[in-house]
N, C-alpha and C. Protein backbone atom coordinates (compact mmCIF):
# COMPACT_ATOMS: atom_id res chain seq x y z
N MET A 1 -28.88 66.16 -42.41
CA MET A 1 -29.72 65.01 -41.89
C MET A 1 -29.08 64.10 -41.04
N SER A 2 -29.53 63.90 -39.84
CA SER A 2 -29.22 62.96 -38.56
C SER A 2 -29.71 61.82 -38.67
N MET A 3 -28.99 60.81 -38.72
CA MET A 3 -29.31 59.53 -38.65
C MET A 3 -29.27 58.76 -37.36
N ILE A 4 -30.33 58.25 -37.03
CA ILE A 4 -30.58 57.48 -35.79
C ILE A 4 -30.25 56.14 -35.50
N THR A 5 -29.16 55.63 -34.78
CA THR A 5 -28.95 54.46 -34.82
C THR A 5 -29.62 53.62 -33.94
N GLN A 6 -29.73 52.42 -33.96
CA GLN A 6 -30.26 51.70 -33.22
C GLN A 6 -30.15 51.78 -31.84
N ASN A 7 -28.86 51.89 -31.38
CA ASN A 7 -28.75 52.17 -29.50
C ASN A 7 -29.54 53.35 -29.44
N GLN A 8 -29.47 54.53 -30.14
CA GLN A 8 -29.94 55.71 -29.62
C GLN A 8 -31.40 55.58 -29.88
N LYS A 9 -32.08 54.83 -30.61
CA LYS A 9 -33.35 54.91 -30.60
C LYS A 9 -33.90 54.08 -29.37
N TYR A 10 -33.40 52.97 -28.96
CA TYR A 10 -34.00 52.66 -27.73
C TYR A 10 -33.24 52.97 -26.56
N SER A 11 -32.38 53.86 -26.57
CA SER A 11 -31.85 54.04 -25.05
C SER A 11 -32.45 54.74 -24.24
N LYS A 12 -33.31 55.45 -24.56
CA LYS A 12 -34.34 56.20 -23.48
C LYS A 12 -34.76 55.20 -22.66
N ARG A 13 -34.75 55.74 -21.55
CA ARG A 13 -35.30 54.93 -20.31
C ARG A 13 -36.34 55.40 -19.41
N TYR A 14 -37.30 54.66 -18.73
CA TYR A 14 -38.07 55.41 -18.15
C TYR A 14 -37.56 56.06 -16.77
N LEU A 15 -37.96 57.62 -16.82
CA LEU A 15 -37.53 58.41 -15.64
C LEU A 15 -38.88 58.67 -14.82
N PRO A 16 -38.68 58.55 -13.76
CA PRO A 16 -39.99 58.67 -12.68
C PRO A 16 -39.96 60.16 -12.83
N HIS A 17 -41.35 60.59 -12.58
CA HIS A 17 -42.04 61.99 -12.66
C HIS A 17 -41.26 62.91 -11.45
N GLU A 18 -41.16 64.08 -11.25
CA GLU A 18 -40.70 64.58 -10.34
C GLU A 18 -42.10 64.87 -9.40
N LEU A 19 -41.77 64.88 -8.07
CA LEU A 19 -42.63 65.08 -7.14
C LEU A 19 -43.45 66.53 -7.45
N SER A 20 -42.84 67.93 -8.05
CA SER A 20 -43.47 69.20 -8.25
C SER A 20 -44.41 68.90 -9.32
N THR A 21 -43.91 67.74 -10.27
CA THR A 21 -44.85 67.75 -11.33
C THR A 21 -46.02 66.95 -11.01
N LYS A 22 -45.83 65.80 -10.27
CA LYS A 22 -47.36 65.46 -9.52
C LYS A 22 -48.25 66.22 -8.87
N VAL A 23 -47.56 67.25 -8.01
CA VAL A 23 -48.53 68.03 -6.91
C VAL A 23 -49.12 68.94 -7.97
N GLY A 24 -48.28 69.65 -8.84
CA GLY A 24 -48.87 70.62 -9.87
C GLY A 24 -49.75 70.05 -10.70
N ALA A 25 -49.78 68.71 -11.21
CA ALA A 25 -50.72 68.18 -12.14
C ALA A 25 -52.26 68.13 -11.38
N VAL A 26 -51.77 67.63 -10.20
CA VAL A 26 -53.12 67.10 -9.35
C VAL A 26 -53.51 68.23 -8.97
N ASN A 27 -53.07 69.08 -8.53
CA ASN A 27 -53.84 70.49 -8.28
C ASN A 27 -54.43 71.40 -9.18
N LEU A 28 -53.65 71.41 -10.61
CA LEU A 28 -54.37 71.81 -11.91
C LEU A 28 -55.93 71.12 -12.36
N TYR A 29 -55.68 69.83 -12.03
CA TYR A 29 -56.69 69.02 -12.42
C TYR A 29 -57.93 69.36 -11.46
N ARG A 30 -57.63 69.51 -10.11
CA ARG A 30 -58.78 69.88 -9.08
C ARG A 30 -59.19 71.28 -9.22
N LYS A 31 -58.57 72.10 -9.78
CA LYS A 31 -58.80 73.58 -9.90
C LYS A 31 -59.90 73.63 -11.22
N THR A 32 -59.26 72.81 -12.32
CA THR A 32 -60.00 73.08 -13.81
C THR A 32 -60.71 71.81 -14.01
N LYS A 33 -60.99 70.70 -13.68
CA LYS A 33 -61.53 69.57 -13.79
C LYS A 33 -61.46 69.11 -15.53
N ASP A 34 -60.48 69.83 -16.03
CA ASP A 34 -60.24 69.57 -17.53
C ASP A 34 -59.22 68.76 -17.70
N ILE A 35 -59.60 67.51 -17.77
CA ILE A 35 -58.20 66.51 -17.80
C ILE A 35 -57.31 66.53 -19.02
N HIS A 36 -58.16 66.72 -20.02
CA HIS A 36 -57.01 66.84 -21.45
C HIS A 36 -56.33 67.84 -21.27
N PHE A 37 -56.45 68.99 -20.76
CA PHE A 37 -55.73 69.78 -20.74
C PHE A 37 -54.62 69.53 -19.98
N VAL A 38 -54.67 69.13 -18.58
CA VAL A 38 -53.74 68.61 -17.68
C VAL A 38 -52.85 67.77 -18.52
N LEU A 39 -53.35 66.80 -18.92
CA LEU A 39 -52.49 65.64 -19.88
C LEU A 39 -51.47 66.32 -20.74
N ARG A 40 -51.98 67.18 -21.40
CA ARG A 40 -51.05 67.64 -22.76
C ARG A 40 -50.13 68.76 -21.94
N ARG A 41 -50.61 69.57 -21.01
CA ARG A 41 -49.66 70.31 -20.43
C ARG A 41 -48.41 69.84 -19.66
N TYR A 42 -48.70 68.78 -19.00
CA TYR A 42 -47.65 67.79 -18.00
C TYR A 42 -47.04 66.67 -19.10
N HIS A 43 -47.58 66.41 -20.22
CA HIS A 43 -47.12 65.14 -20.97
C HIS A 43 -47.28 63.77 -19.95
N ILE A 44 -48.52 63.70 -19.53
CA ILE A 44 -48.48 62.53 -18.66
C ILE A 44 -49.94 61.61 -19.04
N SER A 45 -49.98 60.46 -18.53
CA SER A 45 -51.06 59.55 -19.18
C SER A 45 -52.39 59.82 -18.17
N LYS A 46 -53.50 59.47 -18.50
CA LYS A 46 -54.40 59.58 -17.98
C LYS A 46 -54.47 58.80 -16.65
N ALA A 47 -53.93 57.50 -16.70
CA ALA A 47 -53.69 56.47 -15.49
C ALA A 47 -52.71 57.14 -14.24
N SER A 48 -51.86 57.85 -14.90
CA SER A 48 -51.12 58.33 -13.82
C SER A 48 -51.53 59.37 -13.13
N LEU A 49 -52.40 60.28 -13.96
CA LEU A 49 -52.95 61.27 -13.15
C LEU A 49 -54.08 60.75 -12.34
N MET A 50 -54.85 59.94 -12.75
CA MET A 50 -55.89 59.43 -11.80
C MET A 50 -55.28 58.75 -10.52
N ARG A 51 -54.15 57.86 -10.65
CA ARG A 51 -53.34 57.41 -9.72
C ARG A 51 -53.08 58.45 -8.64
N TRP A 52 -52.35 59.50 -9.27
CA TRP A 52 -52.01 60.33 -8.05
C TRP A 52 -52.88 61.20 -7.53
N ASN A 53 -54.20 61.58 -8.14
CA ASN A 53 -55.14 62.19 -7.61
C ASN A 53 -55.90 61.35 -6.67
N LYS A 54 -55.83 60.13 -6.59
CA LYS A 54 -56.23 59.15 -5.70
C LYS A 54 -55.57 58.99 -4.57
N GLN A 55 -54.28 59.43 -4.74
CA GLN A 55 -53.37 59.05 -3.75
C GLN A 55 -53.07 60.45 -2.84
N PHE A 56 -53.09 61.81 -3.53
CA PHE A 56 -53.15 62.89 -2.74
C PHE A 56 -53.92 63.25 -1.89
N ASP A 57 -53.64 63.66 -0.83
CA ASP A 57 -54.26 64.11 0.36
C ASP A 57 -54.24 65.50 0.91
N GLY A 58 -53.14 66.43 0.08
CA GLY A 58 -53.04 67.74 0.47
C GLY A 58 -51.49 67.77 0.84
N THR A 59 -50.67 66.65 1.05
CA THR A 59 -49.47 66.83 1.41
C THR A 59 -48.66 66.03 0.45
N LYS A 60 -47.28 66.66 0.19
CA LYS A 60 -46.35 66.05 -0.59
C LYS A 60 -45.96 64.71 -0.64
N GLU A 61 -45.93 64.47 0.76
CA GLU A 61 -45.40 63.06 1.21
C GLU A 61 -46.43 62.03 0.70
N SER A 62 -47.94 62.27 0.40
CA SER A 62 -48.59 61.27 -0.16
C SER A 62 -48.32 61.13 -1.41
N LEU A 63 -47.43 61.81 -2.26
CA LEU A 63 -47.05 61.08 -3.67
C LEU A 63 -45.68 60.76 -3.63
N MET A 64 -45.14 60.52 -2.54
CA MET A 64 -43.72 60.05 -2.60
C MET A 64 -43.80 58.67 -2.92
N PRO A 65 -42.52 57.99 -3.67
CA PRO A 65 -42.58 56.69 -4.09
C PRO A 65 -42.67 55.54 -2.73
N LYS A 66 -43.45 54.76 -2.38
CA LYS A 66 -43.32 53.98 -1.52
C LYS A 66 -42.77 52.35 -1.87
N SER A 67 -42.27 51.84 -0.64
CA SER A 67 -41.71 50.47 -1.07
C SER A 67 -42.51 49.42 -1.32
N HIS A 68 -42.31 48.54 -2.17
CA HIS A 68 -42.92 47.28 -2.48
C HIS A 68 -42.43 45.97 -1.76
N ARG A 69 -41.25 46.12 -0.88
CA ARG A 69 -40.99 45.16 -0.28
C ARG A 69 -41.85 44.71 1.03
N PRO A 70 -41.96 43.30 1.14
CA PRO A 70 -42.97 42.83 2.42
C PRO A 70 -42.39 43.51 3.66
N HIS A 71 -43.43 43.88 4.42
CA HIS A 71 -42.78 44.06 5.88
C HIS A 71 -42.41 43.06 6.92
N ARG A 72 -42.61 41.65 6.46
CA ARG A 72 -42.34 40.58 7.16
C ARG A 72 -41.80 39.39 6.25
N GLN A 73 -40.70 38.61 6.73
CA GLN A 73 -40.44 37.64 6.08
C GLN A 73 -41.42 36.34 5.62
N HIS A 74 -41.18 35.80 4.41
CA HIS A 74 -42.13 34.75 4.08
C HIS A 74 -41.98 33.65 5.13
N PRO A 75 -43.37 32.98 5.29
CA PRO A 75 -43.41 32.02 6.43
C PRO A 75 -42.64 30.69 6.26
N ASN A 76 -42.11 30.39 5.18
CA ASN A 76 -41.39 29.31 4.88
C ASN A 76 -39.80 29.78 4.70
N ALA A 77 -39.66 30.66 4.93
CA ALA A 77 -38.30 31.46 4.97
C ALA A 77 -37.16 30.89 6.02
N HIS A 78 -36.06 30.40 5.62
CA HIS A 78 -35.20 30.07 6.85
C HIS A 78 -35.08 30.91 7.99
N THR A 79 -34.71 30.28 9.26
CA THR A 79 -34.75 30.96 10.35
C THR A 79 -33.32 31.54 10.43
N GLU A 80 -33.20 32.24 11.46
CA GLU A 80 -31.81 33.07 11.33
C GLU A 80 -30.79 31.90 12.15
N GLU A 81 -31.34 30.83 12.96
CA GLU A 81 -30.31 29.88 13.22
C GLU A 81 -30.07 28.75 12.42
N ALA A 82 -30.71 28.44 11.17
CA ALA A 82 -30.51 27.90 10.15
C ALA A 82 -29.72 28.24 9.08
N LEU A 83 -29.65 29.19 9.03
CA LEU A 83 -28.82 30.10 7.77
C LEU A 83 -27.52 29.80 8.12
N PRO A 84 -26.54 30.02 9.31
CA PRO A 84 -25.38 29.66 9.38
C PRO A 84 -24.96 28.14 9.22
N TRP A 85 -25.78 27.32 9.68
CA TRP A 85 -25.71 25.80 9.48
C TRP A 85 -25.79 25.62 7.85
N ILE A 86 -26.48 26.16 7.15
CA ILE A 86 -26.70 25.80 5.61
C ILE A 86 -25.54 26.49 5.02
N ARG A 87 -24.76 27.52 5.23
CA ARG A 87 -23.54 28.25 4.40
C ARG A 87 -22.49 27.31 5.21
N ASN A 88 -22.55 27.14 6.43
CA ASN A 88 -21.35 26.08 6.63
C ASN A 88 -21.54 24.50 6.13
N PHE A 89 -22.48 24.12 5.75
CA PHE A 89 -23.06 22.59 5.26
C PHE A 89 -22.06 22.72 3.45
N HIS A 90 -22.50 24.16 3.27
CA HIS A 90 -22.37 24.23 1.85
C HIS A 90 -21.07 24.52 1.48
N ARG A 91 -20.24 25.09 2.60
CA ARG A 91 -18.67 25.37 2.36
C ARG A 91 -17.95 24.26 2.63
N ARG A 92 -18.55 23.33 3.16
CA ARG A 92 -17.82 22.06 3.60
C ARG A 92 -17.89 20.77 2.58
N ASN A 93 -19.00 21.20 1.72
CA ASN A 93 -19.53 20.10 0.74
C ASN A 93 -19.73 21.03 -0.60
N PRO A 94 -18.70 21.79 -1.24
CA PRO A 94 -18.86 22.41 -2.32
C PRO A 94 -19.39 21.72 -3.49
N THR A 95 -19.40 20.49 -3.71
CA THR A 95 -19.69 19.64 -4.95
C THR A 95 -21.19 19.36 -4.84
N ILE A 96 -21.60 19.58 -3.58
CA ILE A 96 -23.11 19.10 -3.26
C ILE A 96 -24.24 19.72 -4.31
N SER A 97 -25.15 18.97 -4.91
CA SER A 97 -26.43 19.99 -5.83
C SER A 97 -27.17 20.48 -4.93
N ILE A 98 -28.06 21.18 -5.43
CA ILE A 98 -29.23 21.94 -4.65
C ILE A 98 -29.91 20.82 -4.05
N CYS A 99 -30.62 19.84 -4.56
CA CYS A 99 -31.48 18.74 -4.33
C CYS A 99 -30.74 18.28 -3.31
N GLU A 100 -29.53 17.74 -3.16
CA GLU A 100 -29.04 17.16 -2.19
C GLU A 100 -29.03 18.03 -0.82
N LEU A 101 -28.51 19.15 -1.11
CA LEU A 101 -28.55 20.14 -0.02
C LEU A 101 -29.95 20.27 0.68
N TYR A 102 -31.02 20.31 -0.08
CA TYR A 102 -32.43 20.38 0.30
C TYR A 102 -32.55 19.40 0.95
N GLY A 103 -32.31 17.87 0.80
CA GLY A 103 -32.44 16.61 1.46
C GLY A 103 -31.99 16.62 2.59
N LYS A 104 -30.66 17.15 2.62
CA LYS A 104 -29.83 16.95 3.85
C LYS A 104 -30.45 17.82 5.19
């Protein structure tokens, strides 16, 4: 009898599905239209299959993971000219608080 320790029980992390799994599941769903068969065969959730089906346009690249980073800086972000000034000011005044730094 094997005992499962607390660490082993929760050590499994989320692993993203492979691209071949996504393409195969979507193609099978589009051929058969039997959603429960596809879910059981590929061990995926209905939400994942429907999301992949919506994204899939016939190419593997459409199912590649995409970045969630913004394409441009925040409007209130510091400018490139201000960043060296802030770093230099903080280097010369290491005991200053964030509130004081913001006020200066």
